[in-house]
C-alpha atoms as a PDB file:
ATOM      1  CA  MET A   1      96.629  48.213 123.889  1.00  0.00           C
ATOM      2  CA  ASP A   2      96.644  46.218 127.084  1.00  0.00           C
ATOM      3  CA  PHE A   3      98.673  43.024 126.756  1.00  0.00           C
ATOM      4  CA  LEU A   4      97.132  41.336 129.788  1.00  0.00           C
ATOM      5  CA  GLN A   5      93.571  41.828 128.491  1.00  0.00           C
ATOM      6  CA  GLU A   6      94.141  41.503 124.745  1.00  0.00           C
ATOM      7  CA  VAL A   7      96.655  38.649 124.725  1.00  0.00           C
ATOM      8  CA  MET A   8      96.259  36.882 128.055  1.00  0.00           C
ATOM      9  CA  LYS A   9      92.503  37.618 128.027  1.00  0.00           C
ATOM     10  CA  GLY A  10      92.582  38.322 131.739  1.00  0.00           C
ATOM     11  CA  LYS A  11      93.971  34.848 132.545  1.00  0.00           C
ATOM     12  CA  ARG A  12      97.086  34.419 134.633  1.00  0.00           C
ATOM     13  CA  VAL A  13      98.174  31.107 133.085  1.00  0.00           C
ATOM     14  CA  GLY A  14      99.067  30.463 129.449  1.00  0.00           C
ATOM     15  CA  GLY A  15      99.534  26.987 128.012  1.00  0.00           C
ATOM     16  CA  ALA A  16     102.955  26.227 126.573  1.00  0.00           C
ATOM     17  CA  ILE A  17     103.291  23.343 124.130  1.00  0.00           C
ATOM     18  CA  ARG A  18     106.455  21.862 122.746  1.00  0.00           C
ATOM     19  CA  ARG A  19     104.919  19.201 120.485  1.00  0.00           C
ATOM     20  CA  LEU A  20     102.054  19.391 118.009  1.00  0.00           C
ATOM     21  CA  GLU A  21     100.560  16.322 119.678  1.00  0.00           C
ATOM     22  CA  ASP A  22      99.729  18.608 122.617  1.00  0.00           C
ATOM     23  CA  LEU A  23      97.754  21.096 120.535  1.00  0.00           C
ATOM     24  CA  GLU A  24      94.350  19.420 120.876  1.00  0.00           C
ATOM     25  CA  GLU A  25      94.534  19.367 124.661  1.00  0.00           C
ATOM     26  CA  VAL A  26      95.425  23.047 124.962  1.00  0.00           C
ATOM     27  CA  LEU A  27      92.754  24.017 122.430  1.00  0.00           C
ATOM     28  CA  ARG A  28      90.084  22.220 124.469  1.00  0.00           C
ATOM     29  CA  HIS A  29      91.211  23.489 127.866  1.00  0.00           C
ATOM     30  CA  PRO A  30      88.614  25.980 129.152  1.00  0.00           C
ATOM     31  CA  ASN A  31      91.064  28.006 131.256  1.00  0.00           C
ATOM     32  CA  ILE A  32      93.730  28.467 128.598  1.00  0.00           C
ATOM     33  CA  GLN A  33      93.177  31.400 126.252  1.00  0.00           C
ATOM     34  CA  THR A  34      96.802  31.984 125.237  1.00  0.00           C
ATOM     35  CA  ILE A  35      98.979  29.327 123.651  1.00  0.00           C
ATOM     36  CA  PHE A  36     102.763  29.578 123.589  1.00  0.00           C
ATOM     37  CA  LEU A  37     104.146  27.394 120.774  1.00  0.00           C
ATOM     38  CA  LEU A  38     107.648  26.411 121.896  1.00  0.00           C
ATOM     39  CA  GLY A  39     108.590  24.051 119.115  1.00  0.00           C
ATOM     40  CA  SER A  40     107.649  22.884 115.636  1.00  0.00           C
ATOM     41  CA  ASP A  41     108.616  23.875 112.143  1.00  0.00           C
ATOM     42  CA  ILE A  42     107.363  26.399 109.663  1.00  0.00           C
ATOM     43  CA  ASN A  43     105.379  23.783 107.723  1.00  0.00           C
ATOM     44  CA  HIS A  44     102.993  23.249 110.648  1.00  0.00           C
ATOM     45  CA  VAL A  45     102.433  26.882 111.618  1.00  0.00           C
ATOM     46  CA  PRO A  46      99.543  27.567 109.172  1.00  0.00           C
ATOM     47  CA  THR A  47      97.586  24.594 110.513  1.00  0.00           C
ATOM     48  CA  VAL A  48      98.238  25.619 114.117  1.00  0.00           C
ATOM     49  CA  VAL A  49      97.137  29.198 113.362  1.00  0.00           C
ATOM     50  CA  LYS A  50      93.929  27.957 111.741  1.00  0.00           C
ATOM     51  CA  ARG A  51      93.102  25.674 114.679  1.00  0.00           C
ATOM     52  CA  VAL A  52      93.852  28.337 117.308  1.00  0.00           C
ATOM     53  CA  LYS A  53      91.793  30.995 115.546  1.00  0.00           C
ATOM     54  CA  ALA A  54      88.878  28.561 115.123  1.00  0.00           C
ATOM     55  CA  VAL A  55      88.515  28.422 118.921  1.00  0.00           C
ATOM     56  CA  ASP A  56      89.187  32.152 119.382  1.00  0.00           C
ATOM     57  CA  LYS A  57      92.421  31.781 121.305  1.00  0.00           C
ATOM     58  CA  ILE A  58      95.711  33.652 120.991  1.00  0.00           C
ATOM     59  CA  LEU A  59      98.884  32.139 119.534  1.00  0.00           C
ATOM     60  CA  LEU A  60     102.357  33.350 120.462  1.00  0.00           C
ATOM     61  CA  VAL A  61     105.164  31.613 118.590  1.00  0.00           C
ATOM     62  CA  HIS A  62     108.607  31.345 120.150  1.00  0.00           C
ATOM     63  CA  ILE A  63     110.464  32.221 116.992  1.00  0.00           C
ATOM     64  CA  ASP A  64     113.853  31.140 118.344  1.00  0.00           C
ATOM     65  CA  LEU A  65     112.522  27.565 118.598  1.00  0.00           C
ATOM     66  CA  ILE A  66     110.641  27.236 115.295  1.00  0.00           C
ATOM     67  CA  GLU A  67     112.628  25.478 112.590  1.00  0.00           C
ATOM     68  CA  GLY A  68     112.631  26.599 108.985  1.00  0.00           C
ATOM     69  CA  VAL A  69     111.746  30.248 109.441  1.00  0.00           C
ATOM     70  CA  GLY A  70     114.440  32.794 108.795  1.00  0.00           C
ATOM     71  CA  LYS A  71     115.627  34.527 111.934  1.00  0.00           C
ATOM     72  CA  ASP A  72     115.358  37.865 110.179  1.00  0.00           C
ATOM     73  CA  LYS A  73     112.874  40.512 109.048  1.00  0.00           C
ATOM     74  CA  ALA A  74     111.575  38.347 106.193  1.00  0.00           C
ATOM     75  CA  GLY A  75     110.942  35.456 108.591  1.00  0.00           C
ATOM     76  CA  ILE A  76     108.926  37.683 110.912  1.00  0.00           C
ATOM     77  CA  HIS A  77     106.968  39.043 107.941  1.00  0.00           C
ATOM     78  CA  LEU A  78     106.189  35.489 106.814  1.00  0.00           C
ATOM     79  CA  LEU A  79     104.881  34.555 110.276  1.00  0.00           C
ATOM     80  CA  LYS A  80     102.724  37.690 110.307  1.00  0.00           C
ATOM     81  CA  ARG A  81     101.278  36.739 106.894  1.00  0.00           C
ATOM     82  CA  MET A  82     100.532  33.268 108.278  1.00  0.00           C
ATOM     83  CA  GLY A  83      98.346  34.911 110.900  1.00  0.00           C
ATOM     84  CA  ILE A  84     100.152  34.481 114.199  1.00  0.00           C
ATOM     85  CA  HIS A  85      99.208  36.940 116.922  1.00  0.00           C
ATOM     86  CA  GLY A  86     102.677  37.472 118.305  1.00  0.00           C
ATOM     87  CA  VAL A  87     106.149  36.212 119.048  1.00  0.00           C
ATOM     88  CA  VAL A  88     108.310  35.329 121.982  1.00  0.00           C
ATOM     89  CA  THR A  89     112.033  35.821 121.476  1.00  0.00           C
ATOM     90  CA  THR A  90     115.275  36.405 123.300  1.00  0.00           C
ATOM     91  CA  LYS A  91     116.677  38.295 120.327  1.00  0.00           C
ATOM     92  CA  SER A  92     116.316  42.072 120.315  1.00  0.00           C
ATOM     93  CA  ASN A  93     116.545  42.413 116.540  1.00  0.00           C
ATOM     94  CA  LEU A  94     113.675  39.933 116.042  1.00  0.00           C
ATOM     95  CA  ALA A  95     111.618  41.713 118.681  1.00  0.00           C
ATOM     96  CA  LYS A  96     112.102  45.009 116.834  1.00  0.00           C
ATOM     97  CA  PHE A  97     111.116  43.451 113.494  1.00  0.00           C
ATOM     98  CA  ALA A  98     107.994  41.966 115.094  1.00  0.00           C
ATOM     99  CA  ILE A  99     107.047  45.330 116.591  1.00  0.00           C
ATOM    100  CA  GLU A 100     107.397  46.874 113.118  1.00  0.00           C
ATOM    101  CA  GLU A 101     105.045  44.176 111.786  1.00  0.00           C
ATOM    102  CA  GLY A 102     102.446  45.049 114.412  1.00  0.00           C
ATOM    103  CA  LEU A 103     102.732  41.742 116.265  1.00  0.00           C
ATOM    104  CA  TRP A 104     102.497  41.312 120.013  1.00  0.00           C
ATOM    105  CA  VAL A 105     106.028  40.884 121.341  1.00  0.00           C
ATOM    106  CA  VAL A 106     107.202  39.130 124.481  1.00  0.00           C
ATOM    107  CA  GLN A 107     110.915  39.461 125.093  1.00  0.00           C
ATOM    108  CA  ARG A 108     112.164  36.461 127.033  1.00  0.00           C
ATOM    109  CA  ILE A 109     115.015  37.102 129.430  1.00  0.00           C
ATOM    110  CA  PHE A 110     117.034  34.758 131.581  1.00  0.00           C
ATOM    111  CA  ILE A 111     117.898  36.035 135.050  1.00  0.00           C
ATOM    112  CA  VAL A 112     120.967  34.335 136.441  1.00  0.00           C
ATOM    113  CA  ASP A 113     122.548  37.152 138.432  1.00  0.00           C
ATOM    114  CA  SER A 114     122.361  40.897 139.120  1.00  0.00           C
ATOM    115  CA  GLU A 115     124.258  41.737 135.948  1.00  0.00           C
ATOM    116  CA  SER A 116     121.783  39.809 133.774  1.00  0.00           C
ATOM    117  CA  LEU A 117     118.974  41.782 135.417  1.00  0.00           C
ATOM    118  CA  LYS A 118     120.674  45.094 134.577  1.00  0.00           C
ATOM    119  CA  THR A 119     121.276  43.965 131.014  1.00  0.00           C
ATOM    120  CA  ALA A 120     117.676  42.777 130.642  1.00  0.00           C
ATOM    121  CA  ILE A 121     116.339  46.140 131.811  1.00  0.00           C
ATOM    122  CA  ARG A 122     118.615  48.015 129.432  1.00  0.00           C
ATOM    123  CA  VAL A 123     117.813  45.817 126.416  1.00  0.00           C
ATOM    124  CA  ALA A 124     114.054  45.630 127.010  1.00  0.00           C
ATOM    125  CA  GLY A 125     114.035  49.368 127.643  1.00  0.00           C
ATOM    126  CA  ASP A 126     115.553  49.899 124.193  1.00  0.00           C
ATOM    127  CA  VAL A 127     113.276  47.415 122.424  1.00  0.00           C
ATOM    128  CA  ARG A 128     109.984  48.265 124.220  1.00  0.00           C
ATOM    129  CA  PRO A 129     108.211  44.924 123.783  1.00  0.00           C
ATOM    130  CA  ASN A 130     104.607  44.520 124.936  1.00  0.00           C
ATOM    131  CA  ALA A 131     105.765  42.325 127.842  1.00  0.00           C
ATOM    132  CA  VAL A 132     108.835  40.572 129.179  1.00  0.00           C
ATOM    133  CA  GLU A 133     108.987  36.947 130.229  1.00  0.00           C
ATOM    134  CA  ILE A 134     111.539  36.087 132.862  1.00  0.00           C
ATOM    135  CA  MET A 135     113.093  32.698 133.265  1.00  0.00           C
ATOM    136  CA  PRO A 136     112.927  31.098 135.741  1.00  0.00           C
ATOM    137  CA  ALA A 137     109.654  31.997 137.443  1.00  0.00           C
ATOM    138  CA  THR A 138     111.290  31.394 140.806  1.00  0.00           C
ATOM    139  CA  VAL A 139     113.352  34.602 140.820  1.00  0.00           C
ATOM    140  CA  PRO A 140     113.454  36.726 143.981  1.00  0.00           C
ATOM    141  CA  GLN A 141     110.851  39.426 144.595  1.00  0.00           C
ATOM    142  CA  PHE A 142     113.303  42.280 143.970  1.00  0.00           C
ATOM    143  CA  VAL A 143     113.829  41.108 140.371  1.00  0.00           C
ATOM    144  CA  ILE A 144     110.143  41.521 139.565  1.00  0.00           C
ATOM    145  CA  ASP A 145     109.980  44.829 141.412  1.00  0.00           C
ATOM    146  CA  ASP A 146     113.022  46.181 139.531  1.00  0.00           C
ATOM    147  CA  LEU A 147     111.641  45.072 136.145  1.00  0.00           C
ATOM    148  CA  LYS A 148     108.221  46.608 136.743  1.00  0.00           C
ATOM    149  CA  LYS A 149     109.634  49.850 138.122  1.00  0.00           C
ATOM    150  CA  SER A 150     112.203  50.236 135.343  1.00  0.00           C
ATOM    151  CA  LEU A 151     110.132  49.074 132.363  1.00  0.00           C
ATOM    152  CA  GLY A 152     106.495  49.629 133.244  1.00  0.00           C
ATOM    153  CA  LEU A 153     105.618  46.468 131.302  1.00  0.00           C
ATOM    154  CA  PRO A 154     103.726  43.314 132.223  1.00  0.00           C
ATOM    155  CA  VAL A 155     106.044  40.639 133.589  1.00  0.00           C
ATOM    156  CA  LEU A 156     105.372  37.064 132.580  1.00  0.00           C
ATOM    157  CA  ALA A 157     107.396  34.138 133.841  1.00  0.00           C
ATOM    158  CA  GLY A 158     108.067  30.535 133.035  1.00  0.00           C
ATOM    159  CA  GLY A 159     110.276  27.691 134.084  1.00  0.00           C
ATOM    160  CA  LEU A 160     110.796  25.799 137.328  1.00  0.00           C
ATOM    161  CA  LEU A 161     107.149  25.822 138.338  1.00  0.00           C
ATOM    162  CA  LYS A 162     106.055  22.363 139.461  1.00  0.00           C
ATOM    163  CA  THR A 163     103.244  22.738 141.954  1.00  0.00           C
ATOM    164  CA  GLU A 164     100.207  24.923 142.510  1.00  0.00           C
ATOM    165  CA  GLU A 165     102.066  26.294 145.519  1.00  0.00           C
ATOM    166  CA  SER A 166     105.021  27.378 143.363  1.00  0.00           C
ATOM    167  CA  LEU A 167     102.581  28.936 140.877  1.00  0.00           C
ATOM    168  CA  LYS A 168     100.797  30.865 143.630  1.00  0.00           C
ATOM    169  CA  GLU A 169     104.136  31.987 145.056  1.00  0.00           C
ATOM    170  CA  ALA A 170     105.289  33.317 141.656  1.00  0.00           C
ATOM    171  CA  LEU A 171     102.045  35.192 141.058  1.00  0.00           C
ATOM    172  CA  GLY A 172     102.109  36.464 144.640  1.00  0.00           C
ATOM    173  CA  LYS A 173     105.440  38.182 143.961  1.00  0.00           C
ATOM    174  CA  GLY A 174     103.838  40.375 141.324  1.00  0.00           C
ATOM    175  CA  ILE A 175     104.336  38.280 138.211  1.00  0.00           C
ATOM    176  CA  ASP A 176     101.372  39.131 136.002  1.00  0.00           C
ATOM    177  CA  ALA A 177     101.027  35.760 134.255  1.00  0.00           C
ATOM    178  CA  VAL A 178     102.934  32.542 133.657  1.00  0.00           C
ATOM    179  CA  SER A 179     103.423  30.208 130.733  1.00  0.00           C
ATOM    180  CA  THR A 180     103.681  26.546 131.585  1.00  0.00           C
ATOM    181  CA  SER A 181     103.583  23.199 129.846  1.00  0.00           C
ATOM    182  CA  LEU A 182     102.466  21.429 133.036  1.00  0.00           C
ATOM    183  CA  ARG A 183      98.828  20.449 132.517  1.00  0.00           C
ATOM    184  CA  HIS A 184      98.000  20.304 136.219  1.00  0.00           C
ATOM    185  CA  LEU A 185      98.829  24.031 136.455  1.00  0.00           C
ATOM    186  CA  TRP A 186      96.543  25.016 133.567  1.00  0.00           C
ATOM    187  CA  SER A 187      93.454  24.953 135.770  1.00  0.00           C
ATOM    188  CA  GLY A 188      94.426  28.246 137.342  1.00  0.00           C
ATOM    189  CA  LYS A 189      92.600  27.596 140.614  1.00  0.00           C
ATOM    190  CA  LEU A 190      94.308  30.481 142.336  1.00  0.00           C
END
């Protein structure tokens, strides 16, 4: 299945929220179809899932940042039973468990130097997530080119985007979509 159509729903900007207080705003936003939950605890996930599904949006939970859920196969299974659409994680073992559960998987990778790029390509190549998300979104063009050529996966990005200009620049380099918590970038007037 096509991640960019099925998960991002053809949009190039996903709304990232760190606090539950921000949920209502992202649910109401007409341009945001994909919500990245970057913080909370397991007790709130069922309510978030219910609210997101009620407005026919997609929920990706950053499992590394959710408190109270086991960072293991059972924790992934629990999240699947709760009804999430997918996970974001930096951990290969969690990505593999999520793939086994039939969830959408975004493997987040931090690019700090050429060696981290090589490692990211090797690890994501072994895991085969549905997409990778690079941090920060301001990486050089060759990083995106190398990831796409080596992995053949959609490349998302997040971090260090502040202005519409920086958003346009990131997308202009070949990044397929971004996740951002900055409300003024949710409009997606690109």
